[in-house]
């Protein structure tokens, strides 16, 4: 699934992404670390993997979207 980086705190390695419908979804340090990233800037397109119910998904991976 694709999203756009919305917020990122380098101290906690957590933040939020915006889904394409504008829904903000938080991610935690383990999801950020799983993607192997070192930094994330607001506005970057990212690929995310989620689990859980559609109404409250939990992000398990955040990485850069490559074409």
PDB file of N, CA and C in Angstrom:
ATOM      1  N   UNK A   1       0.854  -1.156   0.000  1.00  0.00           N
ATOM      2  CA  UNK A   1       0.000   0.000   0.000  1.00  0.00           C
ATOM      3  C   UNK A   1       0.908   1.229   0.000  1.00  0.00           C
ATOM      4  N   UNK A   2       0.491   2.286  -0.648  1.00  0.00           N
ATOM      5  CA  UNK A   2       1.257   3.521  -0.701  1.00  0.00           C
ATOM      6  C   UNK A   2       0.639   4.569   0.208  1.00  0.00           C
ATOM      7  N   UNK A   3       1.483   5.480   0.669  1.00  0.00           N
ATOM      8  CA  UNK A   3       1.038   6.578   1.524  1.00  0.00           C
ATOM      9  C   UNK A   3       2.051   7.711   1.370  1.00  0.00           C
ATOM     10  N   UNK A   4       1.782   8.817   2.063  1.00  0.00           N
ATOM     11  CA  UNK A   4       2.674   9.964   2.071  1.00  0.00           C
ATOM     12  C   UNK A   4       3.112  10.227   3.504  1.00  0.00           C
ATOM     13  N   UNK A   5       4.418  10.394   3.703  1.00  0.00           N
ATOM     14  CA  UNK A   5       4.919  10.712   5.044  1.00  0.00           C
ATOM     15  C   UNK A   5       4.310  12.038   5.492  1.00  0.00           C
ATOM     16  N   UNK A   6       3.813  12.069   6.698  1.00  0.00           N
ATOM     17  CA  UNK A   6       3.151  13.259   7.230  1.00  0.00           C
ATOM     18  C   UNK A   6       3.976  13.866   8.362  1.00  0.00           C
ATOM     19  N   UNK A   7       4.324  13.062   9.351  1.00  0.00           N
ATOM     20  CA  UNK A   7       5.178  13.516  10.442  1.00  0.00           C
ATOM     21  C   UNK A   7       6.219  12.441  10.713  1.00  0.00           C
ATOM     22  N   UNK A   8       7.348  12.878  11.285  1.00  0.00           N
ATOM     23  CA  UNK A   8       8.381  11.929  11.691  1.00  0.00           C
ATOM     24  C   UNK A   8       9.213  12.569  12.792  1.00  0.00           C
ATOM     25  N   UNK A   9       9.431  11.836  13.881  1.00  0.00           N
ATOM     26  CA  UNK A   9      10.258  12.288  14.996  1.00  0.00           C
ATOM     27  C   UNK A   9      11.508  11.411  15.037  1.00  0.00           C
ATOM     28  N   UNK A  10      12.674  11.962  14.677  1.00  0.00           N
ATOM     29  CA  UNK A  10      13.884  11.136  14.642  1.00  0.00           C
ATOM     30  C   UNK A  10      14.314  10.614  16.007  1.00  0.00           C
ATOM     31  N   UNK A  11      13.910  11.275  17.080  1.00  0.00           N
ATOM     32  CA  UNK A  11      14.274  10.811  18.423  1.00  0.00           C
ATOM     33  C   UNK A  11      13.548   9.522  18.797  1.00  0.00           C
ATOM     34  N   UNK A  12      12.267   9.427  18.427  1.00  0.00           N
ATOM     35  CA  UNK A  12      11.487   8.231  18.761  1.00  0.00           C
ATOM     36  C   UNK A  12      11.341   7.287  17.564  1.00  0.00           C
ATOM     37  N   UNK A  13      11.762   7.749  16.364  1.00  0.00           N
ATOM     38  CA  UNK A  13      11.627   6.999  15.112  1.00  0.00           C
ATOM     39  C   UNK A  13      10.171   6.594  14.854  1.00  0.00           C
ATOM     40  N   UNK A  14       9.259   7.482  15.206  1.00  0.00           N
ATOM     41  CA  UNK A  14       7.834   7.228  14.982  1.00  0.00           C
ATOM     42  C   UNK A  14       7.224   8.447  14.298  1.00  0.00           C
ATOM     43  N   UNK A  15       6.012   8.269  13.802  1.00  0.00           N
ATOM     44  CA  UNK A  15       5.336   9.378  13.136  1.00  0.00           C
ATOM     45  C   UNK A  15       3.999   8.948  12.576  1.00  0.00           C
ATOM     46  N   UNK A  16       3.588   9.631  11.525  1.00  0.00           N
ATOM     47  CA  UNK A  16       2.313   9.339  10.866  1.00  0.00           C
ATOM     48  C   UNK A  16       2.500   9.415   9.364  1.00  0.00           C
ATOM     49  N   UNK A  17       1.702   8.625   8.663  1.00  0.00           N
ATOM     50  CA  UNK A  17       1.587   8.733   7.215  1.00  0.00           C
ATOM     51  C   UNK A  17       0.144   9.094   6.897  1.00  0.00           C
ATOM     52  N   UNK A  18      -0.063   9.647   5.718  1.00  0.00           N
ATOM     53  CA  UNK A  18      -1.411   9.915   5.223  1.00  0.00           C
ATOM     54  C   UNK A  18      -1.709   8.922   4.114  1.00  0.00           C
ATOM     55  N   UNK A  19      -2.794   8.187   4.277  1.00  0.00           N
ATOM     56  CA  UNK A  19      -3.246   7.317   3.197  1.00  0.00           C
ATOM     57  C   UNK A  19      -3.740   8.191   2.059  1.00  0.00           C
ATOM     58  N   UNK A  20      -3.938   7.623   0.901  1.00  0.00           N
ATOM     59  CA  UNK A  20      -4.356   8.408  -0.254  1.00  0.00           C
ATOM     60  C   UNK A  20      -5.728   9.044  -0.076  1.00  0.00           C
ATOM     61  N   UNK A  21      -6.532   8.527   0.851  1.00  0.00           N
ATOM     62  CA  UNK A  21      -7.831   9.149   1.122  1.00  0.00           C
ATOM     63  C   UNK A  21      -7.732  10.232   2.200  1.00  0.00           C
ATOM     64  N   UNK A  22      -6.499  10.520   2.666  1.00  0.00           N
ATOM     65  CA  UNK A  22      -6.286  11.572   3.656  1.00  0.00           C
ATOM     66  C   UNK A  22      -6.307  11.106   5.099  1.00  0.00           C
ATOM     67  N   UNK A  23      -6.510   9.821   5.332  1.00  0.00           N
ATOM     68  CA  UNK A  23      -6.559   9.284   6.686  1.00  0.00           C
ATOM     69  C   UNK A  23      -5.153   9.202   7.279  1.00  0.00           C
ATOM     70  N   UNK A  24      -4.924   9.837   8.448  1.00  0.00           N
ATOM     71  CA  UNK A  24      -3.617   9.693   9.089  1.00  0.00           C
ATOM     72  C   UNK A  24      -3.530   8.369   9.842  1.00  0.00           C
ATOM     73  N   UNK A  25      -2.397   7.685   9.706  1.00  0.00           N
ATOM     74  CA  UNK A  25      -2.175   6.415  10.390  1.00  0.00           C
ATOM     75  C   UNK A  25      -0.798   6.488  11.049  1.00  0.00           C
ATOM     76  N   UNK A  26      -0.728   6.253  12.359  1.00  0.00           N
ATOM     77  CA  UNK A  26       0.566   6.330  13.044  1.00  0.00           C
ATOM     78  C   UNK A  26       1.412   5.081  12.807  1.00  0.00           C
ATOM     79  N   UNK A  27       2.727   5.258  12.926  1.00  0.00           N
ATOM     80  CA  UNK A  27       3.646   4.124  12.923  1.00  0.00           C
ATOM     81  C   UNK A  27       4.618   4.294  14.079  1.00  0.00           C
ATOM     82  N   UNK A  28       5.153   3.159  14.552  1.00  0.00           N
ATOM     83  CA  UNK A  28       6.075   3.191  15.674  1.00  0.00           C
ATOM     84  C   UNK A  28       7.488   2.825  15.220  1.00  0.00           C
ATOM     85  N   UNK A  29       8.435   2.867  16.148  1.00  0.00           N
ATOM     86  CA  UNK A  29       9.833   2.609  15.822  1.00  0.00           C
ATOM     87  C   UNK A  29      10.062   1.242  15.176  1.00  0.00           C
ATOM     88  N   UNK A  30       9.446   0.156  15.663  1.00  0.00           N
ATOM     89  CA  UNK A  30       9.678  -1.137  14.995  1.00  0.00           C
ATOM     90  C   UNK A  30       9.262  -1.137  13.512  1.00  0.00           C
ATOM     91  N   UNK A  31       8.186  -0.454  13.162  1.00  0.00           N
ATOM     92  CA  UNK A  31       7.754  -0.380  11.760  1.00  0.00           C
ATOM     93  C   UNK A  31       8.758   0.425  10.946  1.00  0.00           C
ATOM     94  N   UNK A  32       9.266   1.511  11.514  1.00  0.00           N
ATOM     95  CA  UNK A  32      10.269   2.321  10.824  1.00  0.00           C
ATOM     96  C   UNK A  32      11.557   1.525  10.648  1.00  0.00           C
ATOM     97  N   UNK A  33      12.006   0.865  11.708  1.00  0.00           N
ATOM     98  CA  UNK A  33      13.247   0.085  11.661  1.00  0.00           C
ATOM     99  C   UNK A  33      13.154  -1.073  10.668  1.00  0.00           C
ATOM    100  N   UNK A  34      11.983  -1.659  10.513  1.00  0.00           N
ATOM    101  CA  UNK A  34      11.802  -2.788   9.596  1.00  0.00           C
ATOM    102  C   UNK A  34      12.055  -2.387   8.148  1.00  0.00           C
ATOM    103  N   UNK A  35      11.865  -1.111   7.838  1.00  0.00           N
ATOM    104  CA  UNK A  35      12.070  -0.646   6.470  1.00  0.00           C
ATOM    105  C   UNK A  35      13.499  -0.293   6.141  1.00  0.00           C
ATOM    106  N   UNK A  36      14.376  -0.247   7.143  1.00  0.00           N
ATOM    107  CA  UNK A  36      15.779   0.052   6.901  1.00  0.00           C
ATOM    108  C   UNK A  36      16.087   1.501   6.589  1.00  0.00           C
ATOM    109  N   UNK A  37      15.160   2.393   6.877  1.00  0.00           N
ATOM    110  CA  UNK A  37      15.391   3.813   6.607  1.00  0.00           C
ATOM    111  C   UNK A  37      16.206   4.455   7.724  1.00  0.00           C
ATOM    112  N   UNK A  38      16.851   5.567   7.399  1.00  0.00           N
ATOM    113  CA  UNK A  38      17.574   6.339   8.408  1.00  0.00           C
ATOM    114  C   UNK A  38      16.882   7.658   8.696  1.00  0.00           C
ATOM    115  N   UNK A  39      16.093   8.151   7.745  1.00  0.00           N
ATOM    116  CA  UNK A  39      15.434   9.445   7.875  1.00  0.00           C
ATOM    117  C   UNK A  39      14.191   9.433   7.002  1.00  0.00           C
ATOM    118  N   UNK A  40      13.219  10.223   7.394  1.00  0.00           N
ATOM    119  CA  UNK A  40      11.987  10.346   6.621  1.00  0.00           C
ATOM    120  C   UNK A  40      11.560  11.799   6.646  1.00  0.00           C
ATOM    121  N   UNK A  41      11.279  12.352   5.471  1.00  0.00           N
ATOM    122  CA  UNK A  41      10.855  13.752   5.380  1.00  0.00           C
ATOM    123  C   UNK A  41       9.373  13.824   5.027  1.00  0.00           C
ATOM    124  N   UNK A  42       8.636  14.751   5.639  1.00  0.00           N
ATOM    125  CA  UNK A  42       7.235  14.932   5.266  1.00  0.00           C
ATOM    126  C   UNK A  42       7.101  15.174   3.764  1.00  0.00           C
ATOM    127  N   UNK A  43       6.121  14.534   3.174  1.00  0.00           N
ATOM    128  CA  UNK A  43       5.870  14.662   1.744  1.00  0.00           C
ATOM    129  C   UNK A  43       6.444  13.532   0.910  1.00  0.00           C
ATOM    130  N   UNK A  44       7.359  12.739   1.474  1.00  0.00           N
ATOM    131  CA  UNK A  44       7.909  11.620   0.718  1.00  0.00           C
ATOM    132  C   UNK A  44       6.852  10.537   0.542  1.00  0.00           C
ATOM    133  N   UNK A  45       6.860   9.932  -0.639  1.00  0.00           N
ATOM    134  CA  UNK A  45       5.976   8.791  -0.875  1.00  0.00           C
ATOM    135  C   UNK A  45       6.623   7.566  -0.265  1.00  0.00           C
ATOM    136  N   UNK A  46       5.828   6.797   0.452  1.00  0.00           N
ATOM    137  CA  UNK A  46       6.334   5.605   1.112  1.00  0.00           C
ATOM    138  C   UNK A  46       5.451   4.412   0.774  1.00  0.00           C
ATOM    139  N   UNK A  47       6.038   3.237   0.957  1.00  0.00           N
ATOM    140  CA  UNK A  47       5.276   1.993   0.859  1.00  0.00           C
ATOM    141  C   UNK A  47       5.129   1.485   2.277  1.00  0.00           C
ATOM    142  N   UNK A  48       3.918   1.091   2.625  1.00  0.00           N
ATOM    143  CA  UNK A  48       3.670   0.578   3.965  1.00  0.00           C
ATOM    144  C   UNK A  48       3.033  -0.797   3.877  1.00  0.00           C
ATOM    145  N   UNK A  49       3.267  -1.568   4.910  1.00  0.00           N
ATOM    146  CA  UNK A  49       2.558  -2.835   5.082  1.00  0.00           C
ATOM    147  C   UNK A  49       1.765  -2.707   6.370  1.00  0.00           C
ATOM    148  N   UNK A  50       0.526  -3.160   6.334  1.00  0.00           N
ATOM    149  CA  UNK A  50      -0.359  -3.023   7.490  1.00  0.00           C
ATOM    150  C   UNK A  50      -0.947  -4.379   7.862  1.00  0.00           C
ATOM    151  N   UNK A  51      -1.382  -4.471   9.108  1.00  0.00           N
ATOM    152  CA  UNK A  51      -2.135  -5.634   9.559  1.00  0.00           C
ATOM    153  C   UNK A  51      -3.234  -5.139  10.480  1.00  0.00           C
ATOM    154  N   UNK A  52      -4.212  -5.989  10.702  1.00  0.00           N
ATOM    155  CA  UNK A  52      -5.317  -5.625  11.568  1.00  0.00           C
ATOM    156  C   UNK A  52      -6.534  -5.198  10.771  1.00  0.00           C
ATOM    157  N   UNK A  53      -7.586  -4.830  11.496  1.00  0.00           N
ATOM    158  CA  UNK A  53      -8.841  -4.461  10.829  1.00  0.00           C
ATOM    159  C   UNK A  53      -8.717  -3.161  10.039  1.00  0.00           C
ATOM    160  N   UNK A  54      -9.527  -3.053   8.996  1.00  0.00           N
ATOM    161  CA  UNK A  54      -9.483  -1.885   8.122  1.00  0.00           C
ATOM    162  C   UNK A  54      -9.749  -0.590   8.873  1.00  0.00           C
ATOM    163  N   UNK A  55     -10.590  -0.630   9.880  1.00  0.00           N
ATOM    164  CA  UNK A  55     -10.925   0.572  10.636  1.00  0.00           C
ATOM    165  C   UNK A  55      -9.822   1.067  11.550  1.00  0.00           C
ATOM    166  N   UNK A  56      -8.882   0.187  11.908  1.00  0.00           N
ATOM    167  CA  UNK A  56      -7.758   0.594  12.755  1.00  0.00           C
ATOM    168  C   UNK A  56      -6.512  -0.214  12.391  1.00  0.00           C
ATOM    169  N   UNK A  57      -5.960   0.059  11.199  1.00  0.00           N
ATOM    170  CA  UNK A  57      -4.786  -0.704  10.759  1.00  0.00           C
ATOM    171  C   UNK A  57      -3.555  -0.371  11.595  1.00  0.00           C
ATOM    172  N   UNK A  58      -2.653  -1.333  11.690  1.00  0.00           N
ATOM    173  CA  UNK A  58      -1.371  -1.119  12.371  1.00  0.00           C
ATOM    174  C   UNK A  58      -0.271  -1.291  11.336  1.00  0.00           C
ATOM    175  N   UNK A  59       0.570  -0.270  11.192  1.00  0.00           N
ATOM    176  CA  UNK A  59       1.654  -0.317  10.214  1.00  0.00           C
ATOM    177  C   UNK A  59       2.776  -1.179  10.766  1.00  0.00           C
ATOM    178  N   UNK A  60       3.233  -2.127   9.957  1.00  0.00           N
ATOM    179  CA  UNK A  60       4.320  -3.016  10.364  1.00  0.00           C
ATOM    180  C   UNK A  60       5.614  -2.727   9.614  1.00  0.00           C
ATOM    181  N   UNK A  61       5.551  -1.919   8.536  1.00  0.00           N
ATOM    182  CA  UNK A  61       6.736  -1.595   7.757  1.00  0.00           C
ATOM    183  C   UNK A  61       6.531  -0.272   7.043  1.00  0.00           C
ATOM    184  N   UNK A  62       7.558   0.569   7.077  1.00  0.00           N
ATOM    185  CA  UNK A  62       7.567   1.822   6.318  1.00  0.00           C
ATOM    186  C   UNK A  62       8.868   1.845   5.529  1.00  0.00           C
ATOM    187  N   UNK A  63       8.792   2.014   4.219  1.00  0.00           N
ATOM    188  CA  UNK A  63       9.980   2.125   3.392  1.00  0.00           C
ATOM    189  C   UNK A  63       9.681   3.093   2.246  1.00  0.00           C
ATOM    190  N   UNK A  64      10.704   3.537   1.555  1.00  0.00           N
ATOM    191  CA  UNK A  64      10.482   4.467   0.454  1.00  0.00           C
ATOM    192  C   UNK A  64       9.814   3.771  -0.720  1.00  0.00           C
ATOM    193  N   UNK A  65       8.958   4.500  -1.390  1.00  0.00           N
ATOM    194  CA  UNK A  65       8.303   4.000  -2.597  1.00  0.00           C
ATOM    195  C   UNK A  65       9.262   4.190  -3.761  1.00  0.00           C
ATOM    196  N   UNK A  66       9.565   3.117  -4.453  1.00  0.00           N
ATOM    197  CA  UNK A  66      10.420   3.210  -5.630  1.00  0.00           C
ATOM    198  C   UNK A  66       9.613   2.815  -6.850  1.00  0.00           C
ATOM    199  N   UNK A  67       9.963   3.392  -7.965  1.00  0.00           N
ATOM    200  CA  UNK A  67       9.225   3.126  -9.204  1.00  0.00           C
ATOM    201  C   UNK A  67       9.930   2.122 -10.046  1.00  0.00           C
TER     202      UNK A  67
END
